[in-house]
Amino acid sequence: MDTTTDAGAGTGETGEPITDEWCREHFDHLSSELAADFHPTLARMRARCPVAHSDRYGGFWVATRYE
């Protein structure tokens, strides 16, 4: 299982804010950057991309809302 967390820019690791690309493709539920901005990030994901696929940890789906 791949447990790397080097998603690159937009993860907050470089001092940059979490980007929409990070939310859609590199979402890392264990990142300290997400923990610091959890609710606003999930609200943004619900509005822009309610179902996303992350390439982290071997790949997984993130569903932020359902009907």
N, C-alpha and C. Protein backbone atom coordinates (compact mmCIF):
# COMPACT_ATOMS: atom_id res chain seq x y z
N MET A 1 0.84 -1.17 0.00
CA MET A 1 0.00 0.00 0.00
C MET A 1 0.88 1.24 0.00
N ASP A 2 0.55 2.17 -0.89
CA ASP A 2 1.30 3.42 -0.98
C ASP A 2 0.77 4.39 0.07
N THR A 3 1.62 4.79 1.00
CA THR A 3 1.19 5.72 2.06
C THR A 3 1.91 7.05 1.97
N THR A 4 2.48 7.35 0.80
CA THR A 4 3.17 8.63 0.65
C THR A 4 2.18 9.77 0.64
N THR A 5 2.63 10.94 1.05
CA THR A 5 1.75 12.10 1.07
C THR A 5 2.40 13.30 0.37
N ASP A 6 3.18 13.03 -0.67
CA ASP A 6 3.88 14.11 -1.37
C ASP A 6 3.09 14.59 -2.58
N ALA A 7 1.86 15.04 -2.36
CA ALA A 7 0.98 15.44 -3.45
C ALA A 7 1.46 16.70 -4.15
N GLY A 8 2.35 17.46 -3.54
CA GLY A 8 2.90 18.63 -4.20
C GLY A 8 2.18 19.90 -3.84
N ALA A 9 2.23 20.84 -4.76
CA ALA A 9 1.66 22.17 -4.52
C ALA A 9 0.19 22.09 -4.20
N GLY A 10 -0.24 23.00 -3.35
CA GLY A 10 -1.64 23.06 -3.00
C GLY A 10 -2.00 22.26 -1.78
N THR A 11 -1.06 21.57 -1.20
CA THR A 11 -1.35 20.77 -0.02
C THR A 11 -1.11 21.56 1.26
N GLY A 12 -0.60 22.74 1.12
CA GLY A 12 -0.25 23.52 2.29
C GLY A 12 1.19 23.26 2.75
N GLU A 13 1.78 22.17 2.28
CA GLU A 13 3.14 21.83 2.67
C GLU A 13 4.14 22.89 2.22
N THR A 14 3.81 23.59 1.14
CA THR A 14 4.71 24.61 0.63
C THR A 14 4.26 25.99 1.05
N GLY A 15 3.34 26.07 2.00
CA GLY A 15 2.83 27.35 2.45
C GLY A 15 1.67 27.87 1.61
N GLU A 16 1.27 27.11 0.59
CA GLU A 16 0.17 27.50 -0.27
C GLU A 16 -1.14 26.95 0.28
N PRO A 17 -2.26 27.60 -0.03
CA PRO A 17 -3.55 27.08 0.43
C PRO A 17 -3.92 25.80 -0.31
N ILE A 18 -4.82 25.04 0.25
CA ILE A 18 -5.32 23.82 -0.40
C ILE A 18 -6.07 24.23 -1.66
N THR A 19 -5.73 23.61 -2.78
CA THR A 19 -6.34 23.97 -4.06
C THR A 19 -7.48 23.04 -4.43
N ASP A 20 -8.27 23.44 -5.42
CA ASP A 20 -9.35 22.58 -5.93
C ASP A 20 -8.78 21.29 -6.51
N GLU A 21 -7.63 21.37 -7.19
CA GLU A 21 -7.00 20.17 -7.74
C GLU A 21 -6.64 19.19 -6.62
N TRP A 22 -6.11 19.69 -5.53
CA TRP A 22 -5.78 18.83 -4.40
C TRP A 22 -7.04 18.14 -3.88
N CYS A 23 -8.13 18.89 -3.79
CA CYS A 23 -9.40 18.32 -3.32
C CYS A 23 -9.91 17.24 -4.26
N ARG A 24 -9.80 17.45 -5.57
CA ARG A 24 -10.32 16.50 -6.56
C ARG A 24 -9.44 15.29 -6.76
N GLU A 25 -8.11 15.45 -6.68
CA GLU A 25 -7.22 14.39 -7.11
C GLU A 25 -6.22 13.89 -6.07
N HIS A 26 -5.92 14.70 -5.06
CA HIS A 26 -4.87 14.32 -4.11
C HIS A 26 -5.34 14.41 -2.66
N PHE A 27 -6.64 14.38 -2.43
CA PHE A 27 -7.21 14.53 -1.10
C PHE A 27 -6.53 13.57 -0.12
N ASP A 28 -6.08 14.10 0.99
CA ASP A 28 -5.41 13.28 2.02
C ASP A 28 -6.08 13.56 3.36
N HIS A 29 -6.91 12.62 3.77
CA HIS A 29 -7.67 12.78 5.01
C HIS A 29 -6.79 12.81 6.25
N LEU A 30 -5.52 12.47 6.12
CA LEU A 30 -4.60 12.47 7.26
C LEU A 30 -3.69 13.71 7.29
N SER A 31 -3.85 14.62 6.34
CA SER A 31 -2.94 15.76 6.28
C SER A 31 -3.24 16.78 7.37
N SER A 32 -2.20 17.35 7.91
CA SER A 32 -2.36 18.38 8.95
C SER A 32 -2.95 19.65 8.35
N GLU A 33 -2.70 19.89 7.07
CA GLU A 33 -3.26 21.06 6.41
C GLU A 33 -4.78 20.96 6.32
N LEU A 34 -5.30 19.77 6.02
CA LEU A 34 -6.74 19.58 5.98
C LEU A 34 -7.32 19.74 7.38
N ALA A 35 -6.66 19.22 8.38
CA ALA A 35 -7.15 19.34 9.76
C ALA A 35 -7.28 20.81 10.17
N ALA A 36 -6.37 21.64 9.70
CA ALA A 36 -6.40 23.05 10.06
C ALA A 36 -7.52 23.82 9.36
N ASP A 37 -8.01 23.29 8.24
CA ASP A 37 -9.03 23.99 7.44
C ASP A 37 -10.13 23.00 7.03
N PHE A 38 -10.49 22.10 7.93
CA PHE A 38 -11.36 20.97 7.60
C PHE A 38 -12.75 21.37 7.09
N HIS A 39 -13.51 22.10 7.88
CA HIS A 39 -14.89 22.41 7.51
C HIS A 39 -14.99 23.29 6.25
N PRO A 40 -14.19 24.34 6.12
CA PRO A 40 -14.25 25.13 4.88
C PRO A 40 -13.85 24.31 3.64
N THR A 41 -12.88 23.42 3.79
CA THR A 41 -12.45 22.60 2.65
C THR A 41 -13.56 21.65 2.23
N LEU A 42 -14.20 20.98 3.19
CA LEU A 42 -15.30 20.08 2.84
C LEU A 42 -16.49 20.83 2.27
N ALA A 43 -16.77 22.02 2.75
CA ALA A 43 -17.86 22.82 2.19
C ALA A 43 -17.56 23.17 0.73
N ARG A 44 -16.32 23.54 0.46
CA ARG A 44 -15.92 23.85 -0.92
C ARG A 44 -16.03 22.61 -1.79
N MET A 45 -15.62 21.46 -1.29
CA MET A 45 -15.73 20.22 -2.06
C MET A 45 -17.20 19.88 -2.34
N ARG A 46 -18.06 20.03 -1.34
CA ARG A 46 -19.49 19.76 -1.54
C ARG A 46 -20.07 20.63 -2.65
N ALA A 47 -19.64 21.89 -2.71
CA ALA A 47 -20.16 22.82 -3.71
C ALA A 47 -19.58 22.58 -5.11
N ARG A 48 -18.31 22.21 -5.19
CA ARG A 48 -17.64 22.14 -6.49
C ARG A 48 -17.44 20.74 -7.03
N CYS A 49 -17.21 19.78 -6.15
CA CYS A 49 -16.92 18.42 -6.59
C CYS A 49 -17.33 17.46 -5.48
N PRO A 50 -18.63 17.17 -5.37
CA PRO A 50 -19.10 16.38 -4.22
C PRO A 50 -18.57 14.95 -4.17
N VAL A 51 -18.15 14.40 -5.31
CA VAL A 51 -17.53 13.08 -5.33
C VAL A 51 -16.19 13.22 -6.04
N ALA A 52 -15.12 12.90 -5.33
CA ALA A 52 -13.78 13.04 -5.89
C ALA A 52 -13.02 11.73 -5.73
N HIS A 53 -11.98 11.55 -6.55
CA HIS A 53 -11.11 10.38 -6.43
C HIS A 53 -9.72 10.86 -6.07
N SER A 54 -9.16 10.30 -5.01
CA SER A 54 -7.82 10.66 -4.58
C SER A 54 -6.82 9.61 -5.03
N ASP A 55 -5.62 10.04 -5.38
CA ASP A 55 -4.55 9.10 -5.73
C ASP A 55 -3.70 8.72 -4.52
N ARG A 56 -4.02 9.25 -3.37
CA ARG A 56 -3.28 8.93 -2.14
C ARG A 56 -3.61 7.52 -1.68
N TYR A 57 -2.69 6.89 -0.98
CA TYR A 57 -2.89 5.60 -0.32
C TYR A 57 -3.43 4.52 -1.26
N GLY A 58 -2.98 4.52 -2.48
CA GLY A 58 -3.42 3.51 -3.43
C GLY A 58 -4.72 3.88 -4.14
N GLY A 59 -5.31 5.01 -3.82
CA GLY A 59 -6.53 5.49 -4.46
C GLY A 59 -7.78 5.18 -3.65
N PHE A 60 -8.64 6.17 -3.54
CA PHE A 60 -9.93 5.99 -2.88
C PHE A 60 -10.88 7.10 -3.29
N TRP A 61 -12.16 6.87 -3.12
CA TRP A 61 -13.19 7.84 -3.45
C TRP A 61 -13.57 8.64 -2.21
N VAL A 62 -13.92 9.90 -2.42
CA VAL A 62 -14.35 10.79 -1.33
C VAL A 62 -15.74 11.30 -1.70
N ALA A 63 -16.75 10.94 -0.92
CA ALA A 63 -18.11 11.44 -1.13
C ALA A 63 -18.41 12.45 -0.02
N THR A 64 -18.67 13.70 -0.40
CA THR A 64 -18.90 14.74 0.60
C THR A 64 -20.38 15.06 0.77
N ARG A 65 -21.23 14.50 -0.11
CA ARG A 65 -22.67 14.65 0.05
C ARG A 65 -23.38 13.58 -0.75
N TYR A 66 -24.64 13.40 -0.47
CA TYR A 66 -25.47 12.47 -1.23
C TYR A 66 -26.91 12.96 -1.17
N GLU A 67 -27.71 12.44 -2.06
CA GLU A 67 -29.13 12.82 -2.09
C GLU A 67 -29.99 11.60 -1.86
